[in-house]
PDB file of N, CA and C in Angstrom:
ATOM      1  N   UNK A   1      99.300  35.706  82.036  1.00  0.00           N
ATOM      2  CA  UNK A   1      98.799  36.083  83.427  1.00  0.00           C
ATOM      3  C   UNK A   1      98.816  37.398  83.688  1.00  0.00           C
ATOM      4  N   UNK A   2      99.573  38.267  83.175  1.00  0.00           N
ATOM      5  CA  UNK A   2      99.803  39.673  83.120  1.00  0.00           C
ATOM      6  C   UNK A   2      98.213  40.331  82.804  1.00  0.00           C
ATOM      7  N   UNK A   3      97.836  39.833  81.448  1.00  0.00           N
ATOM      8  CA  UNK A   3      96.317  40.137  80.868  1.00  0.00           C
ATOM      9  C   UNK A   3      95.137  39.907  81.840  1.00  0.00           C
ATOM     10  N   UNK A   4      95.385  38.425  82.555  1.00  0.00           N
ATOM     11  CA  UNK A   4      94.478  38.354  83.629  1.00  0.00           C
ATOM     12  C   UNK A   4      94.446  39.430  84.654  1.00  0.00           C
ATOM     13  N   UNK A   5      95.635  39.777  84.975  1.00  0.00           N
ATOM     14  CA  UNK A   5      95.655  40.509  86.223  1.00  0.00           C
ATOM     15  C   UNK A   5      95.192  41.990  85.679  1.00  0.00           C
ATOM     16  N   UNK A   6      95.500  42.298  84.568  1.00  0.00           N
ATOM     17  CA  UNK A   6      95.329  43.554  84.314  1.00  0.00           C
ATOM     18  C   UNK A   6      93.718  43.848  84.108  1.00  0.00           C
ATOM     19  N   UNK A   7      93.426  42.878  83.553  1.00  0.00           N
ATOM     20  CA  UNK A   7      91.825  42.732  83.157  1.00  0.00           C
ATOM     21  C   UNK A   7      91.153  42.944  84.418  1.00  0.00           C
ATOM     22  N   UNK A   8      91.640  42.398  85.508  1.00  0.00           N
ATOM     23  CA  UNK A   8      90.958  42.564  86.837  1.00  0.00           C
ATOM     24  C   UNK A   8      91.036  43.768  87.513  1.00  0.00           C
ATOM     25  N   UNK A   9      91.885  44.823  86.785  1.00  0.00           N
ATOM     26  CA  UNK A   9      92.291  45.847  87.208  1.00  0.00           C
ATOM     27  C   UNK A   9      93.006  45.853  88.394  1.00  0.00           C
ATOM     28  N   UNK A  10      94.390  45.092  88.483  1.00  0.00           N
ATOM     29  CA  UNK A  10      95.017  45.078  89.731  1.00  0.00           C
ATOM     30  C   UNK A  10      96.346  45.121  89.174  1.00  0.00           C
ATOM     31  N   UNK A  11      97.077  45.700  90.317  1.00  0.00           N
ATOM     32  CA  UNK A  11      98.666  45.695  89.967  1.00  0.00           C
ATOM     33  C   UNK A  11      99.475  44.852  90.988  1.00  0.00           C
ATOM     34  N   UNK A  12     100.645  44.319  90.538  1.00  0.00           N
ATOM     35  CA  UNK A  12     101.134  43.235  90.985  1.00  0.00           C
ATOM     36  C   UNK A  12     101.268  43.363  92.594  1.00  0.00           C
ATOM     37  N   UNK A  13     101.366  44.302  93.218  1.00  0.00           N
ATOM     38  CA  UNK A  13     101.233  44.524  94.673  1.00  0.00           C
ATOM     39  C   UNK A  13      99.886  44.425  95.222  1.00  0.00           C
ATOM     40  N   UNK A  14      98.967  44.578  94.429  1.00  0.00           N
ATOM     41  CA  UNK A  14      97.291  44.420  94.773  1.00  0.00           C
ATOM     42  C   UNK A  14      97.365  42.772  95.207  1.00  0.00           C
ATOM     43  N   UNK A  15      97.656  42.249  93.853  1.00  0.00           N
ATOM     44  CA  UNK A  15      97.613  40.689  93.806  1.00  0.00           C
ATOM     45  C   UNK A  15      98.366  39.939  95.198  1.00  0.00           C
ATOM     46  N   UNK A  16      99.745  40.467  95.193  1.00  0.00           N
ATOM     47  CA  UNK A  16     100.883  39.936  96.580  1.00  0.00           C
ATOM     48  C   UNK A  16     100.030  39.838  97.722  1.00  0.00           C
ATOM     49  N   UNK A  17      99.554  41.258  97.697  1.00  0.00           N
ATOM     50  CA  UNK A  17      98.858  41.542  99.156  1.00  0.00           C
ATOM     51  C   UNK A  17      97.921  40.882  99.522  1.00  0.00           C
ATOM     52  N   UNK A  18      96.725  40.539  98.780  1.00  0.00           N
ATOM     53  CA  UNK A  18      95.596  39.761  98.718  1.00  0.00           C
ATOM     54  C   UNK A  18      95.974  38.111  98.837  1.00  0.00           C
ATOM     55  N   UNK A  19      96.791  37.791  98.044  1.00  0.00           N
ATOM     56  CA  UNK A  19      97.096  36.604  98.455  1.00  0.00           C
ATOM     57  C   UNK A  19      98.248  36.155  99.534  1.00  0.00           C
ATOM     58  N   UNK A  20      98.831  37.218 100.016  1.00  0.00           N
ATOM     59  CA  UNK A  20      99.991  36.845 100.989  1.00  0.00           C
ATOM     60  C   UNK A  20     101.145  36.581 100.404  1.00  0.00           C
ATOM     61  N   UNK A  21     101.425  36.950  99.233  1.00  0.00           N
ATOM     62  CA  UNK A  21     102.787  36.286  98.508  1.00  0.00           C
ATOM     63  C   UNK A  21     103.515  37.560  98.273  1.00  0.00           C
ATOM     64  N   UNK A  22     104.627  37.349  97.791  1.00  0.00           N
ATOM     65  CA  UNK A  22     105.829  38.138  97.231  1.00  0.00           C
ATOM     66  C   UNK A  22     105.429  38.680  95.947  1.00  0.00           C
ATOM     67  N   UNK A  23     105.703  40.258  95.866  1.00  0.00           N
ATOM     68  CA  UNK A  23     105.024  40.719  94.552  1.00  0.00           C
ATOM     69  C   UNK A  23     106.118  40.042  93.649  1.00  0.00           C
ATOM     70  N   UNK A  24     107.365  39.640  93.734  1.00  0.00           N
ATOM     71  CA  UNK A  24     108.239  39.155  92.819  1.00  0.00           C
ATOM     72  C   UNK A  24     107.410  37.881  92.332  1.00  0.00           C
ATOM     73  N   UNK A  25     106.713  37.031  93.160  1.00  0.00           N
ATOM     74  CA  UNK A  25     106.345  35.982  92.600  1.00  0.00           C
ATOM     75  C   UNK A  25     105.086  36.336  91.400  1.00  0.00           C
ATOM     76  N   UNK A  26     104.272  37.585  91.663  1.00  0.00           N
ATOM     77  CA  UNK A  26     103.430  37.579  90.944  1.00  0.00           C
ATOM     78  C   UNK A  26     104.147  38.233  89.279  1.00  0.00           C
ATOM     79  N   UNK A  27     105.317  39.037  89.593  1.00  0.00           N
ATOM     80  CA  UNK A  27     105.847  39.218  88.431  1.00  0.00           C
ATOM     81  C   UNK A  27     106.261  38.144  87.779  1.00  0.00           C
ATOM     82  N   UNK A  28     107.042  37.084  88.296  1.00  0.00           N
ATOM     83  CA  UNK A  28     107.458  36.064  87.619  1.00  0.00           C
ATOM     84  C   UNK A  28     106.180  34.992  86.987  1.00  0.00           C
ATOM     85  N   UNK A  29     104.987  35.317  87.572  1.00  0.00           N
ATOM     86  CA  UNK A  29     103.777  34.883  86.937  1.00  0.00           C
ATOM     87  C   UNK A  29     103.438  35.437  85.560  1.00  0.00           C
ATOM     88  N   UNK A  30     103.545  36.741  85.798  1.00  0.00           N
ATOM     89  CA  UNK A  30     103.200  37.757  84.503  1.00  0.00           C
ATOM     90  C   UNK A  30     103.993  37.443  83.531  1.00  0.00           C
ATOM     91  N   UNK A  31     105.439  37.233  83.551  1.00  0.00           N
ATOM     92  CA  UNK A  31     106.337  36.990  82.453  1.00  0.00           C
ATOM     93  C   UNK A  31     106.437  35.489  82.015  1.00  0.00           C
ATOM     94  N   UNK A  32     105.949  34.430  82.936  1.00  0.00           N
ATOM     95  CA  UNK A  32     106.085  33.243  82.340  1.00  0.00           C
ATOM     96  C   UNK A  32     107.206  32.555  82.691  1.00  0.00           C
ATOM     97  N   UNK A  33     107.994  33.114  83.831  1.00  0.00           N
ATOM     98  CA  UNK A  33     109.296  32.344  84.354  1.00  0.00           C
ATOM     99  C   UNK A  33     108.586  31.064  85.469  1.00  0.00           C
ATOM    100  N   UNK A  34     107.597  31.505  86.166  1.00  0.00           N
ATOM    101  CA  UNK A  34     106.874  30.437  86.889  1.00  0.00           C
ATOM    102  C   UNK A  34     105.441  30.297  86.652  1.00  0.00           C
ATOM    103  N   UNK A  35     104.959  29.422  86.820  1.00  0.00           N
ATOM    104  CA  UNK A  35     103.190  29.314  87.087  1.00  0.00           C
ATOM    105  C   UNK A  35     102.981  29.133  88.387  1.00  0.00           C
ATOM    106  N   UNK A  36     101.511  29.505  88.594  1.00  0.00           N
ATOM    107  CA  UNK A  36     100.928  29.705  89.963  1.00  0.00           C
ATOM    108  C   UNK A  36     101.393  28.090  90.734  1.00  0.00           C
ATOM    109  N   UNK A  37     101.925  28.100  91.812  1.00  0.00           N
ATOM    110  CA  UNK A  37     101.709  26.880  92.528  1.00  0.00           C
ATOM    111  C   UNK A  37     101.200  26.946  94.017  1.00  0.00           C
ATOM    112  N   UNK A  38      99.959  26.806  94.188  1.00  0.00           N
ATOM    113  CA  UNK A  38      99.236  27.299  95.531  1.00  0.00           C
ATOM    114  C   UNK A  38      98.697  26.038  96.046  1.00  0.00           C
ATOM    115  N   UNK A  39      98.672  25.964  97.365  1.00  0.00           N
ATOM    116  CA  UNK A  39      97.796  24.788  97.969  1.00  0.00           C
ATOM    117  C   UNK A  39      96.251  24.977  97.342  1.00  0.00           C
ATOM    118  N   UNK A  40      95.891  23.831  97.191  1.00  0.00           N
ATOM    119  CA  UNK A  40      94.592  23.390  97.022  1.00  0.00           C
ATOM    120  C   UNK A  40      93.355  24.397  97.414  1.00  0.00           C
ATOM    121  N   UNK A  41      93.627  24.769  98.829  1.00  0.00           N
ATOM    122  CA  UNK A  41      92.645  25.449  99.607  1.00  0.00           C
ATOM    123  C   UNK A  41      92.689  26.897  99.176  1.00  0.00           C
ATOM    124  N   UNK A  42      93.867  27.418  98.791  1.00  0.00           N
ATOM    125  CA  UNK A  42      93.931  28.652  98.001  1.00  0.00           C
ATOM    126  C   UNK A  42      93.687  29.077  96.832  1.00  0.00           C
ATOM    127  N   UNK A  43      93.097  28.072  95.904  1.00  0.00           N
ATOM    128  CA  UNK A  43      92.863  28.284  94.649  1.00  0.00           C
ATOM    129  C   UNK A  43      91.524  29.144  94.326  1.00  0.00           C
ATOM    130  N   UNK A  44      90.401  29.078  95.326  1.00  0.00           N
ATOM    131  CA  UNK A  44      89.243  29.580  95.200  1.00  0.00           C
ATOM    132  C   UNK A  44      89.670  31.019  95.453  1.00  0.00           C
ATOM    133  N   UNK A  45      90.314  31.346  96.307  1.00  0.00           N
ATOM    134  CA  UNK A  45      90.751  32.709  96.637  1.00  0.00           C
ATOM    135  C   UNK A  45      91.509  33.328  95.414  1.00  0.00           C
ATOM    136  N   UNK A  46      92.641  32.810  95.101  1.00  0.00           N
ATOM    137  CA  UNK A  46      93.058  33.365  93.685  1.00  0.00           C
ATOM    138  C   UNK A  46      92.291  33.428  92.667  1.00  0.00           C
ATOM    139  N   UNK A  47      91.386  32.563  92.172  1.00  0.00           N
ATOM    140  CA  UNK A  47      90.321  32.827  91.280  1.00  0.00           C
ATOM    141  C   UNK A  47      89.346  34.246  91.341  1.00  0.00           C
ATOM    142  N   UNK A  48      89.070  34.328  92.724  1.00  0.00           N
ATOM    143  CA  UNK A  48      88.299  35.401  93.078  1.00  0.00           C
ATOM    144  C   UNK A  48      89.020  36.958  93.079  1.00  0.00           C
ATOM    145  N   UNK A  49      90.151  36.662  93.549  1.00  0.00           N
ATOM    146  CA  UNK A  49      91.334  37.909  93.008  1.00  0.00           C
ATOM    147  C   UNK A  49      91.410  38.120  91.464  1.00  0.00           C
ATOM    148  N   UNK A  50      91.808  36.921  90.796  1.00  0.00           N
ATOM    149  CA  UNK A  50      91.760  37.160  89.219  1.00  0.00           C
ATOM    150  C   UNK A  50      90.522  37.636  88.680  1.00  0.00           C
ATOM    151  N   UNK A  51      89.382  37.187  89.568  1.00  0.00           N
ATOM    152  CA  UNK A  51      88.030  37.434  88.936  1.00  0.00           C
ATOM    153  C   UNK A  51      88.208  36.730  87.597  1.00  0.00           C
ATOM    154  N   UNK A  52      88.583  35.329  87.605  1.00  0.00           N
ATOM    155  CA  UNK A  52      88.495  34.270  86.178  1.00  0.00           C
ATOM    156  C   UNK A  52      87.888  32.909  86.766  1.00  0.00           C
ATOM    157  N   UNK A  53      87.897  32.183  85.502  1.00  0.00           N
ATOM    158  CA  UNK A  53      87.746  30.730  85.911  1.00  0.00           C
ATOM    159  C   UNK A  53      88.961  29.887  85.906  1.00  0.00           C
ATOM    160  N   UNK A  54      89.078  28.851  86.317  1.00  0.00           N
ATOM    161  CA  UNK A  54      90.445  28.301  86.432  1.00  0.00           C
ATOM    162  C   UNK A  54      90.806  27.650  84.756  1.00  0.00           C
ATOM    163  N   UNK A  55      89.956  27.434  83.878  1.00  0.00           N
ATOM    164  CA  UNK A  55      90.379  27.195  82.623  1.00  0.00           C
ATOM    165  C   UNK A  55      91.190  28.440  82.154  1.00  0.00           C
ATOM    166  N   UNK A  56      90.635  29.703  82.251  1.00  0.00           N
ATOM    167  CA  UNK A  56      91.264  30.980  81.953  1.00  0.00           C
ATOM    168  C   UNK A  56      92.343  30.996  82.638  1.00  0.00           C
ATOM    169  N   UNK A  57      92.676  30.733  83.969  1.00  0.00           N
ATOM    170  CA  UNK A  57      94.217  30.865  84.525  1.00  0.00           C
ATOM    171  C   UNK A  57      95.092  29.529  83.675  1.00  0.00           C
ATOM    172  N   UNK A  58      94.690  28.634  83.490  1.00  0.00           N
ATOM    173  CA  UNK A  58      95.530  27.292  82.766  1.00  0.00           C
ATOM    174  C   UNK A  58      95.938  27.971  81.404  1.00  0.00           C
ATOM    175  N   UNK A  59      94.683  28.569  80.641  1.00  0.00           N
ATOM    176  CA  UNK A  59      95.358  29.038  79.546  1.00  0.00           C
ATOM    177  C   UNK A  59      96.328  30.289  79.365  1.00  0.00           C
ATOM    178  N   UNK A  60      95.964  30.940  80.574  1.00  0.00           N
ATOM    179  CA  UNK A  60      96.859  32.369  80.670  1.00  0.00           C
ATOM    180  C   UNK A  60      98.299  31.777  81.103  1.00  0.00           C
ATOM    181  N   UNK A  61      98.417  30.811  81.677  1.00  0.00           N
ATOM    182  CA  UNK A  61      99.780  30.277  82.032  1.00  0.00           C
ATOM    183  C   UNK A  61     100.394  29.791  81.123  1.00  0.00           C
ATOM    184  N   UNK A  62      99.828  28.962  80.381  1.00  0.00           N
ATOM    185  CA  UNK A  62     100.518  28.402  79.335  1.00  0.00           C
ATOM    186  C   UNK A  62     101.133  29.351  78.244  1.00  0.00           C
ATOM    187  N   UNK A  63     100.240  30.471  78.036  1.00  0.00           N
ATOM    188  CA  UNK A  63     100.514  31.600  77.210  1.00  0.00           C
ATOM    189  C   UNK A  63     101.578  32.398  77.635  1.00  0.00           C
ATOM    190  N   UNK A  64     101.748  32.660  78.904  1.00  0.00           N
ATOM    191  CA  UNK A  64     102.988  33.441  79.378  1.00  0.00           C
ATOM    192  C   UNK A  64     104.078  32.530  79.248  1.00  0.00           C
ATOM    193  N   UNK A  65     103.990  31.373  79.677  1.00  0.00           N
ATOM    194  CA  UNK A  65     105.353  30.388  79.638  1.00  0.00           C
ATOM    195  C   UNK A  65     105.835  30.408  78.014  1.00  0.00           C
ATOM    196  N   UNK A  66     104.748  30.027  77.107  1.00  0.00           N
ATOM    197  CA  UNK A  66     105.316  30.128  75.795  1.00  0.00           C
ATOM    198  C   UNK A  66     105.891  31.237  75.509  1.00  0.00           C
ATOM    199  N   UNK A  67     105.605  32.578  75.734  1.00  0.00           N
ATOM    200  CA  UNK A  67     106.432  33.586  75.501  1.00  0.00           C
ATOM    201  C   UNK A  67     107.646  33.496  76.124  1.00  0.00           C
ATOM    202  N   UNK A  68     107.637  33.286  77.344  1.00  0.00           N
ATOM    203  CA  UNK A  68     108.808  33.550  78.459  1.00  0.00           C
ATOM    204  C   UNK A  68     110.348  32.279  77.489  1.00  0.00           C
ATOM    205  N   UNK A  69     109.497  31.069  77.133  1.00  0.00           N
ATOM    206  CA  UNK A  69     110.419  30.218  76.464  1.00  0.00           C
ATOM    207  C   UNK A  69     110.999  30.606  75.251  1.00  0.00           C
ATOM    208  N   UNK A  70     109.864  31.304  74.418  1.00  0.00           N
ATOM    209  CA  UNK A  70     110.340  31.861  73.071  1.00  0.00           C
ATOM    210  C   UNK A  70     111.749  32.985  72.906  1.00  0.00           C
ATOM    211  N   UNK A  71     110.968  33.823  74.173  1.00  0.00           N
ATOM    212  CA  UNK A  71     112.157  34.994  74.194  1.00  0.00           C
ATOM    213  C   UNK A  71     113.350  34.457  75.084  1.00  0.00           C
ATOM    214  N   UNK A  72     113.453  33.403  75.404  1.00  0.00           N
ATOM    215  CA  UNK A  72     114.690  32.961  76.294  1.00  0.00           C
ATOM    216  C   UNK A  72     115.448  31.935  75.475  1.00  0.00           C
ATOM    217  N   UNK A  73     114.961  31.446  74.187  1.00  0.00           N
ATOM    218  CA  UNK A  73     115.584  30.293  73.591  1.00  0.00           C
ATOM    219  C   UNK A  73     116.583  30.721  72.502  1.00  0.00           C
TER     220      UNK A  73
END
């Protein structure tokens, strides 16, 4: 997730502000502690902010989770 955010040229505070969520939530997505859980109506805005496809988000979230799990096992 961090890679997607950085590819879009955004800081955690930028994403948090644009999506109306806590910056800590974005940081947790970045490290794979949590995956994005948004109401269905918020998904288009999320994809617009991250400038990516749904498939890219799914893969990025899986990779972040794998890294998090590997570093905490």
